[in-house]
Amino acid sequence: MFTEAQFDHFFAHVRAGHTHGPCLDITRRDNGTYAFRSTVPQPCGTTAELEFTEAEVLAFLDGIAQGDFDRNTTPNMALCR
């Protein structure tokens, strides 16, 4: 779980060419998949890890680069708080 500010900071970090950073680490595994892990302490004390294919990661990173997740491009997106 991240705050909006933390995720915006992550977007800026990725746009600068970094995949390890402020709230999320993206690590390539030996089998070609990618693990996404939070670097932010979670309220429950446990951490989750999500696994994605290379195509999914590239699409995600391209979406960040293109601004697809920026708040002003998704006005109808529901925000969970």
Protein backbone atom coordinates (compact mmCIF):
# COMPACT_ATOMS: atom_id res chain seq x y z
CA MET A 1 0.00 0.00 0.00
CA PHE A 2 1.38 3.41 -0.99
CA THR A 3 0.28 6.98 -0.58
CA GLU A 4 -0.47 8.97 -3.70
CA ALA A 5 2.67 11.05 -3.12
CA GLN A 6 4.83 7.92 -2.78
CA PHE A 7 3.50 6.48 -6.03
CA ASP A 8 4.01 9.80 -7.85
CA HIS A 9 7.59 9.78 -6.58
CA PHE A 10 7.98 6.23 -7.91
CA PHE A 11 6.70 7.37 -11.33
CA ALA A 12 9.32 10.15 -11.40
CA HIS A 13 11.99 7.64 -10.40
CA VAL A 14 11.00 5.24 -13.21
CA ARG A 15 10.90 8.07 -15.75
CA ALA A 16 14.51 8.80 -14.73
CA GLY A 17 15.45 5.19 -15.58
CA HIS A 18 15.41 3.57 -12.12
CA THR A 19 13.42 0.47 -11.12
CA HIS A 20 14.49 0.32 -7.48
CA GLY A 21 13.42 3.04 -5.25
CA PRO A 22 11.09 5.04 -3.16
CA CYS A 23 8.17 2.67 -2.68
CA LEU A 24 8.50 -0.25 -5.09
CA ASP A 25 11.37 -2.45 -6.25
CA ILE A 26 11.17 -4.29 -9.56
CA THR A 27 13.59 -7.21 -9.76
CA ARG A 28 14.18 -9.57 -12.69
CA ARG A 29 14.38 -13.21 -11.69
CA ASP A 30 16.48 -15.94 -13.29
CA ASN A 31 13.35 -17.45 -14.87
CA GLY A 32 12.61 -14.22 -16.77
CA THR A 33 9.71 -13.05 -14.62
CA TYR A 34 9.77 -9.88 -12.54
CA ALA A 35 8.98 -9.48 -8.86
CA PHE A 36 7.37 -6.28 -7.59
CA ARG A 37 7.93 -5.66 -3.86
CA SER A 38 6.97 -2.76 -1.65
CA THR A 39 9.78 -0.94 0.12
CA VAL A 40 7.28 0.85 2.35
CA PRO A 41 6.59 -0.70 5.78
CA GLN A 42 3.07 -2.11 5.75
CA PRO A 43 0.58 -1.74 8.61
CA CYS A 44 0.22 -5.50 9.04
CA GLY A 45 3.98 -6.00 9.14
CA THR A 46 4.07 -8.40 6.21
CA THR A 47 5.12 -7.76 2.64
CA ALA A 48 3.54 -8.93 -0.58
CA GLU A 49 5.25 -9.81 -3.81
CA LEU A 50 3.62 -9.71 -7.22
CA GLU A 51 5.03 -11.56 -10.23
CA PHE A 52 4.76 -10.33 -13.81
CA THR A 53 6.00 -11.39 -17.23
CA GLU A 54 8.47 -9.25 -19.15
CA ALA A 55 5.70 -8.11 -21.53
CA GLU A 56 3.55 -6.99 -18.59
CA VAL A 57 6.43 -5.06 -17.02
CA LEU A 58 7.31 -3.38 -20.31
CA ALA A 59 3.67 -2.35 -20.81
CA PHE A 60 3.55 -0.96 -17.25
CA LEU A 61 6.80 0.99 -17.67
CA ASP A 62 5.63 2.31 -21.04
CA GLY A 63 2.37 3.42 -19.44
CA ILE A 64 4.34 5.33 -16.82
CA ALA A 65 6.52 6.95 -19.50
CA GLN A 66 3.43 7.92 -21.51
CA GLY A 67 1.65 9.37 -18.47
CA ASP A 68 -1.16 6.80 -18.57
CA PHE A 69 -1.34 6.69 -14.78
CA ASP A 70 -1.04 10.40 -14.13
CA ARG A 71 -4.00 11.78 -12.25
CA ASN A 72 -4.96 14.31 -14.92
CA THR A 73 -5.21 11.55 -17.57
CA THR A 74 -7.50 9.32 -15.49
CA PRO A 75 -10.21 11.67 -14.18
CA ASN A 76 -12.80 8.91 -13.73
CA MET A 77 -10.49 6.54 -11.87
CA ALA A 78 -11.65 5.71 -8.36
CA LEU A 79 -9.04 6.32 -5.70
CA CYS A 80 -8.94 4.05 -2.67
CA ARG A 81 -7.85 5.70 0.52
